[in-house]
Amino acid sequence: IKQKCGDSLYGDVVEYRKGGVARLVGSICAKVVASSHNPGTSDQRYILRVPTWLGNATQKLSAPFAQSKVPPPCLPQHTNQVTTSACIPTGANPPQRQSLHLMACMQSGRYRRTVHQDRIDDITTDRALFCFMAKQLAKRRGYIRRAFSLQCIQGLYFVKFRLWSNGNVEVHDHEPCCTSSPTAQCECIPPATKVEPAANAEYRCTPAGPLDVWPPILSQQLMHMLTSPACIHEDETLVLDQLPKRTRGEMEGKVRRPAEGWGLHYREGQDFEILMGVVAIGLVASFVFAVLWAQFRHDVQGAFSVASYVVTAVAAVVALIVNRAGRLG
């Protein structure tokens, strides 16, 4: 997928119904190149992907020398509107707008996941949606947690989940929950019986499940929108339409009857940018120490012996932090 900013995104899509990939390509407002995969042939073409941490580092280094051609994200847009008067019958009550909740599952400790239920009634575009999501994510994770846990958000997925009475969330990942058998259907989007205009609808999304393809929107695409909302067209609503939005208020799990829900899952993993930065700082510091020690003490062997201990200590500290990172949730 070729983005407006010039970035290219890649991902795998599974087709459940014939023509699903073609419909998905037609719904994406970007240049898309789709190629089929045949496991029985050996002439498949694989694209060498640049590691995310390397691409982000390159982008940060080149940012001061590049002129941005897109408007800053999340800035309020002011337009002049003409006020018109209308005759409203006296005593008539204005219609109440239905509340919409975004269900977002996040890690909250080594073994615990929780769901955050945010009102998104006033959000009407994808750009506003991802600006809101980025703001909520920064508030809940915080700089200290991101720095010391050495973890970051590595994927954003549509998922089905169960909310227990104690607040824990059991996320049903697409693999293996939706791929356990050849006849299994994808349940990552609520079925039509739970989506408007069904009689007992609990969600609003277009289209409803079961899906023609999975994922309905690539995780790489969602992550790009989350980190670069300025790349989203100001009138785009593709993600907002597909996103399951709860219309029955906040969910609450009951004893022996966990509640089923649908929403987004922020999948976390090790932040290799910070890991590489810590290791690089340790290596540079040990090398500088060795040079200074050899210069003033005239002991090259002793200098690099001490430097090797410093490198070992840095590696041990990094390993300890990574091993205990989940406790900082």
Protein backbone atom coordinates (compact mmCIF):
# COMPACT_ATOMS: atom_id res chain seq x y z
CA ILE A 1 0.00 0.00 0.00
CA LYS A 2 1.54 3.30 -1.11
CA GLN A 3 0.81 6.08 1.39
CA LYS A 4 0.44 9.78 0.69
CA CYS A 5 3.62 10.50 2.63
CA GLY A 6 5.61 8.10 0.42
CA ASP A 7 5.83 5.16 2.84
CA SER A 8 5.02 1.68 1.55
CA LEU A 9 3.22 -0.81 3.79
CA TYR A 10 3.09 -4.58 3.37
CA GLY A 11 0.91 -7.26 4.88
CA ASP A 12 -0.77 -10.63 4.35
CA VAL A 13 -4.52 -11.00 3.76
CA VAL A 14 -6.55 -14.22 3.92
CA GLU A 15 -9.56 -14.44 1.58
CA TYR A 16 -12.61 -16.25 2.99
CA ARG A 17 -14.99 -15.53 0.10
CA LYS A 18 -14.25 -15.21 -3.58
CA GLY A 19 -13.72 -11.59 -4.57
CA GLY A 20 -12.99 -10.46 -1.01
CA VAL A 21 -9.48 -9.22 -1.78
CA ALA A 22 -10.71 -7.30 -4.83
CA ARG A 23 -13.37 -5.57 -2.73
CA LEU A 24 -10.79 -4.77 -0.06
CA VAL A 25 -8.44 -3.23 -2.62
CA GLY A 26 -11.30 -1.17 -4.05
CA SER A 27 -12.18 0.24 -0.63
CA ILE A 28 -8.65 1.47 0.16
CA CYS A 29 -7.99 5.04 -0.93
CA ALA A 30 -4.37 4.39 -1.85
CA LYS A 31 -2.24 2.68 -4.47
CA VAL A 32 -2.39 -1.05 -3.74
CA VAL A 33 -0.51 -3.92 -5.38
CA ALA A 34 -1.97 -7.36 -4.55
CA SER A 35 -0.29 -10.68 -5.39
CA SER A 36 -1.60 -14.17 -4.66
CA HIS A 37 0.33 -16.77 -2.69
CA ASN A 38 0.52 -20.36 -3.87
CA PRO A 39 2.22 -22.67 -1.36
CA GLY A 40 2.72 -25.32 -4.06
CA THR A 41 5.09 -23.22 -6.16
CA SER A 42 8.65 -22.19 -5.49
CA ASP A 43 8.75 -18.97 -7.52
CA GLN A 44 7.09 -16.76 -4.92
CA ARG A 45 8.46 -13.25 -4.59
CA TYR A 46 9.25 -11.99 -1.13
CA ILE A 47 9.80 -8.33 -0.42
CA LEU A 48 12.68 -7.40 1.84
CA ARG A 49 11.18 -5.23 4.55
CA VAL A 50 13.16 -2.61 6.39
CA PRO A 51 13.02 -3.14 10.18
CA THR A 52 10.60 -0.78 11.89
CA TRP A 53 13.18 0.57 14.33
CA LEU A 54 15.59 1.36 11.47
CA GLY A 55 12.89 3.09 9.44
CA ASN A 56 11.76 5.18 12.42
CA ALA A 57 15.32 6.17 13.25
CA THR A 58 15.99 7.22 9.65
CA GLN A 59 12.77 9.22 9.56
CA LYS A 60 13.66 11.05 12.78
CA LEU A 61 17.15 11.91 11.52
CA SER A 62 15.87 13.19 8.17
CA ALA A 63 12.90 15.12 9.59
CA PRO A 64 14.79 18.42 10.22
CA PHE A 65 15.95 18.51 6.58
CA ALA A 66 12.58 17.76 5.00
CA GLN A 67 9.76 20.17 4.34
CA SER A 68 6.42 18.76 5.41
CA LYS A 69 3.74 18.91 2.72
CA VAL A 70 0.88 17.80 4.90
CA PRO A 71 -0.97 19.89 7.47
CA PRO A 72 -0.19 19.32 11.14
CA PRO A 73 -2.45 16.66 12.65
CA CYS A 74 -4.90 17.21 15.43
CA LEU A 75 -5.15 20.97 14.93
CA PRO A 76 -8.65 22.40 15.12
CA GLN A 77 -10.18 23.28 11.78
CA HIS A 78 -12.21 26.49 11.80
CA THR A 79 -14.72 27.21 9.06
CA ASN A 80 -17.18 30.04 8.70
CA GLN A 81 -20.72 28.80 8.83
CA VAL A 82 -23.89 30.61 7.92
CA THR A 83 -26.41 30.45 10.73
CA THR A 84 -29.96 29.77 9.65
CA SER A 85 -33.02 29.93 11.80
CA ALA A 86 -35.58 27.17 11.91
CA CYS A 87 -38.99 26.95 13.48
CA ILE A 88 -38.88 24.50 16.39
CA PRO A 89 -42.18 23.66 18.04
CA THR A 90 -42.40 24.92 21.59
CA GLY A 91 -42.00 22.20 24.17
CA ALA A 92 -40.52 19.68 21.72
CA ASN A 93 -37.61 17.68 23.14
CA PRO A 94 -34.58 17.33 20.86
CA PRO A 95 -33.81 13.71 19.91
CA GLN A 96 -31.21 12.08 22.12
CA ARG A 97 -28.08 10.94 20.34
CA GLN A 98 -27.07 7.32 20.85
CA SER A 99 -23.83 6.87 22.79
CA LEU A 100 -20.97 5.10 21.02
CA HIS A 101 -18.10 3.41 22.86
CA LEU A 102 -14.71 2.39 21.52
CA MET A 103 -13.55 -0.83 23.18
CA ALA A 104 -9.74 -0.94 23.39
CA CYS A 105 -7.94 -3.92 24.97
CA MET A 106 -4.51 -3.20 26.49
CA GLN A 107 -1.90 -4.96 28.58
CA SER A 108 -2.07 -4.07 32.26
CA GLY A 109 0.64 -6.18 33.87
CA ARG A 110 2.43 -9.37 32.98
CA TYR A 111 -0.67 -11.57 32.91
CA ARG A 112 -3.54 -9.07 32.96
CA ARG A 113 -5.38 -7.30 30.17
CA THR A 114 -8.09 -4.71 30.57
CA VAL A 115 -10.54 -3.00 28.23
CA HIS A 116 -10.88 0.78 28.09
CA GLN A 117 -14.34 1.98 27.08
CA ASP A 118 -14.18 5.50 25.62
CA ARG A 119 -17.04 7.62 24.31
CA ILE A 120 -16.54 8.59 20.66
CA ASP A 121 -19.93 10.17 19.92
CA ASP A 122 -18.46 13.35 18.44
CA ILE A 123 -15.84 11.65 16.22
CA THR A 124 -16.83 11.68 12.55
CA THR A 125 -13.58 11.06 10.60
CA ASP A 126 -10.64 8.68 10.71
CA ARG A 127 -8.21 11.52 11.38
CA ALA A 128 -10.15 12.62 14.45
CA LEU A 129 -10.42 8.99 15.58
CA PHE A 130 -6.68 8.31 15.45
CA CYS A 131 -5.83 11.65 17.05
CA PHE A 132 -8.12 10.68 19.92
CA MET A 133 -6.61 7.19 20.14
CA ALA A 134 -3.06 8.54 20.20
CA LYS A 135 -3.97 10.98 22.96
CA GLN A 136 -5.61 8.27 25.08
CA LEU A 137 -2.71 5.89 24.48
CA ALA A 138 -0.11 8.43 25.57
CA LYS A 139 -2.11 9.23 28.70
CA ARG A 140 -2.48 5.58 29.72
CA ARG A 141 1.01 4.36 28.96
CA GLY A 142 3.01 7.46 29.89
CA TYR A 143 6.62 8.30 29.11
CA ILE A 144 8.09 6.65 32.22
CA ARG A 145 6.37 3.34 31.55
CA ARG A 146 7.39 3.36 27.88
CA ALA A 147 11.01 4.13 28.76
CA PHE A 148 11.53 1.70 31.63
CA SER A 149 9.42 -1.19 30.38
CA LEU A 150 11.26 -1.19 27.03
CA GLN A 151 7.98 -2.04 25.34
CA CYS A 152 5.94 -0.37 22.62
CA ILE A 153 2.76 -0.92 20.63
CA GLN A 154 3.69 -3.21 17.74
CA GLY A 155 0.29 -4.08 16.32
CA LEU A 156 -3.32 -2.91 16.22
CA TYR A 157 -5.99 -5.51 15.48
CA PHE A 158 -9.75 -6.00 15.33
CA VAL A 159 -10.58 -8.68 17.93
CA LYS A 160 -13.30 -10.45 19.83
CA PHE A 161 -12.85 -10.60 23.59
CA ARG A 162 -14.53 -11.68 26.83
CA LEU A 163 -14.81 -9.39 29.85
CA TRP A 164 -14.79 -11.20 33.20
CA SER A 165 -16.42 -10.02 36.40
CA ASN A 166 -13.04 -9.01 37.91
CA GLY A 167 -12.25 -6.73 34.97
CA ASN A 168 -9.80 -9.07 33.25
CA VAL A 169 -10.09 -9.40 29.49
CA GLU A 170 -9.58 -12.59 27.51
CA VAL A 171 -8.61 -11.60 23.96
CA HIS A 172 -9.50 -14.06 21.19
CA ASP A 173 -6.62 -13.61 18.77
CA HIS A 174 -7.37 -14.40 15.14
CA GLU A 175 -4.75 -17.13 15.28
CA PRO A 176 -5.63 -19.72 16.48
CA CYS A 177 -9.20 -18.82 17.49
CA CYS A 178 -10.44 -18.22 13.93
CA THR A 179 -8.10 -20.66 12.15
CA SER A 180 -8.43 -23.78 14.31
CA SER A 181 -10.23 -25.70 11.54
CA PRO A 182 -10.59 -25.37 7.75
CA THR A 183 -14.29 -24.53 8.11
CA ALA A 184 -13.83 -21.96 10.88
CA GLN A 185 -15.17 -18.45 10.28
CA CYS A 186 -13.50 -15.24 11.32
CA GLU A 187 -15.22 -13.78 14.40
CA CYS A 188 -13.08 -10.66 14.78
CA ILE A 189 -16.05 -8.50 13.70
CA PRO A 190 -19.50 -8.86 15.37
CA PRO A 191 -22.01 -10.90 13.34
CA ALA A 192 -24.99 -9.31 11.63
CA THR A 193 -27.29 -10.42 14.46
CA LYS A 194 -25.47 -8.06 16.84
CA VAL A 195 -25.04 -5.14 14.44
CA GLU A 196 -27.55 -2.45 13.49
CA PRO A 197 -30.23 -2.64 12.15
CA ALA A 198 -30.82 -5.99 13.91
CA ALA A 199 -33.51 -5.99 16.59
CA ASN A 200 -31.14 -6.59 19.51
CA ALA A 201 -28.13 -4.83 18.03
CA GLU A 202 -25.26 -3.98 20.36
CA TYR A 203 -22.79 -2.60 17.81
CA ARG A 204 -22.57 -0.35 14.81
CA CYS A 205 -20.11 -1.19 12.02
CA THR A 206 -20.03 -1.62 8.25
CA PRO A 207 -19.78 -4.33 7.09
CA ALA A 208 -20.81 -6.82 9.77
CA GLY A 209 -19.28 -10.26 10.18
CA PRO A 210 -18.41 -12.82 9.07
CA LEU A 211 -15.73 -11.14 6.98
CA ASP A 212 -14.76 -11.75 3.36
CA VAL A 213 -11.08 -11.26 4.22
CA TRP A 214 -8.89 -11.00 7.28
CA PRO A 215 -7.75 -8.56 8.43
CA PRO A 216 -10.35 -6.06 7.20
CA ILE A 217 -7.65 -3.39 7.53
CA LEU A 218 -3.97 -4.25 7.78
CA SER A 219 -2.36 -3.81 11.17
CA GLN A 220 0.49 -1.95 9.45
CA GLN A 221 -2.05 0.47 7.99
CA LEU A 222 -3.69 1.06 11.37
CA MET A 223 -0.31 1.62 13.05
CA HIS A 224 0.68 4.09 10.34
CA MET A 225 -2.54 6.01 10.88
CA LEU A 226 -1.97 5.98 14.65
CA THR A 227 1.56 7.39 14.37
CA SER A 228 0.91 9.68 11.38
CA PRO A 229 -2.70 10.92 11.42
CA ALA A 230 -1.74 13.74 9.04
CA CYS A 231 -1.49 11.14 6.25
CA ILE A 232 -5.22 10.45 6.56
CA HIS A 233 -7.51 12.37 4.23
CA GLU A 234 -9.62 14.79 6.25
CA ASP A 235 -12.87 13.25 4.94
CA GLU A 236 -11.85 9.57 5.18
CA THR A 237 -14.13 7.34 7.30
CA LEU A 238 -13.14 3.80 6.24
CA VAL A 239 -11.74 2.74 9.63
CA LEU A 240 -14.47 4.51 11.59
CA ASP A 241 -17.14 2.71 9.57
CA GLN A 242 -15.53 -0.72 9.99
CA LEU A 243 -14.69 -0.24 13.67
CA PRO A 244 -17.16 -2.02 16.01
CA LYS A 245 -18.71 0.73 18.14
CA ARG A 246 -20.80 -0.38 21.11
CA THR A 247 -24.26 1.21 21.26
CA ARG A 248 -25.56 -0.30 24.53
CA GLY A 249 -23.41 1.63 26.99
CA GLU A 250 -20.42 0.27 28.87
CA MET A 251 -19.89 -3.48 29.15
CA GLU A 252 -19.81 -5.26 32.49
CA GLY A 253 -18.86 -8.89 33.07
CA LYS A 254 -20.88 -10.95 35.52
CA VAL A 255 -19.96 -13.90 37.73
CA ARG A 256 -20.01 -17.13 35.69
CA ARG A 257 -21.23 -15.10 32.70
CA PRO A 258 -18.39 -13.15 31.08
CA ALA A 259 -19.57 -10.58 28.55
CA GLU A 260 -18.59 -10.95 24.89
CA GLY A 261 -17.45 -7.88 23.04
CA TRP A 262 -15.60 -6.61 19.99
CA GLY A 263 -13.11 -3.82 19.54
CA LEU A 264 -9.40 -3.12 19.07
CA HIS A 265 -6.38 -4.79 20.65
CA TYR A 266 -3.11 -2.92 21.21
CA ARG A 267 -0.51 -5.69 21.00
CA GLU A 268 2.69 -4.79 22.82
CA GLY A 269 6.23 -6.05 22.32
CA GLN A 270 9.84 -5.17 23.01
CA ASP A 271 10.89 -1.70 21.85
CA PHE A 272 14.06 -2.46 19.89
CA GLU A 273 14.74 1.25 19.35
CA ILE A 274 15.25 1.81 23.08
CA LEU A 275 17.09 -1.51 23.45
CA MET A 276 19.53 -0.64 20.68
CA GLY A 277 19.95 2.84 22.14
CA VAL A 278 20.81 1.52 25.61
CA VAL A 279 23.29 -0.99 24.19
CA ALA A 280 24.88 1.66 21.96
CA ILE A 281 25.28 4.07 24.89
CA GLY A 282 26.89 1.29 26.95
CA LEU A 283 29.34 0.42 24.18
CA VAL A 284 30.32 4.05 23.56
CA ALA A 285 30.70 4.75 27.28
CA SER A 286 32.89 1.68 27.80
CA PHE A 287 35.07 2.57 24.82
CA VAL A 288 35.54 6.16 26.00
CA PHE A 289 36.37 4.90 29.49
CA ALA A 290 38.95 2.47 28.07
CA VAL A 291 40.63 5.20 26.02
CA LEU A 292 40.80 7.60 28.98
CA TRP A 293 42.07 4.89 31.32
CA ALA A 294 44.79 3.89 28.85
CA GLN A 295 45.74 7.54 28.30
CA PHE A 296 46.13 8.50 31.97
CA ARG A 297 47.08 5.15 33.54
CA HIS A 298 49.12 3.81 30.62
CA ASP A 299 47.47 0.42 31.06
CA VAL A 300 45.74 -0.68 27.87
CA GLN A 301 45.04 -4.23 29.03
CA GLY A 302 43.51 -3.10 32.31
CA ALA A 303 41.46 -0.42 30.56
CA PHE A 304 39.74 -2.80 28.20
CA SER A 305 39.29 -5.38 30.95
CA VAL A 306 37.28 -2.85 32.95
CA ALA A 307 35.41 -1.82 29.77
CA SER A 308 34.40 -5.43 29.17
CA TYR A 309 32.91 -5.56 32.68
CA VAL A 310 30.93 -2.39 31.90
CA VAL A 311 29.51 -3.92 28.71
CA THR A 312 28.59 -7.11 30.58
CA ALA A 313 26.88 -5.10 33.32
CA VAL A 314 24.86 -3.11 30.75
CA ALA A 315 23.75 -6.32 29.02
CA ALA A 316 22.73 -7.84 32.36
CA VAL A 317 20.71 -4.75 33.35
CA VAL A 318 18.94 -4.67 29.98
CA ALA A 319 18.09 -8.38 30.24
CA LEU A 320 16.75 -7.86 33.78
CA ILE A 321 14.56 -4.93 32.72
CA VAL A 322 13.19 -6.83 29.72
CA ASN A 323 12.43 -9.88 31.88
CA ARG A 324 10.51 -7.81 34.44
CA ALA A 325 8.97 -5.33 32.00
CA GLY A 326 5.48 -6.80 32.29
CA ARG A 327 5.28 -5.89 35.99
CA LEU A 328 5.29 -2.17 35.11
CA GLY A 329 1.87 -2.37 33.44
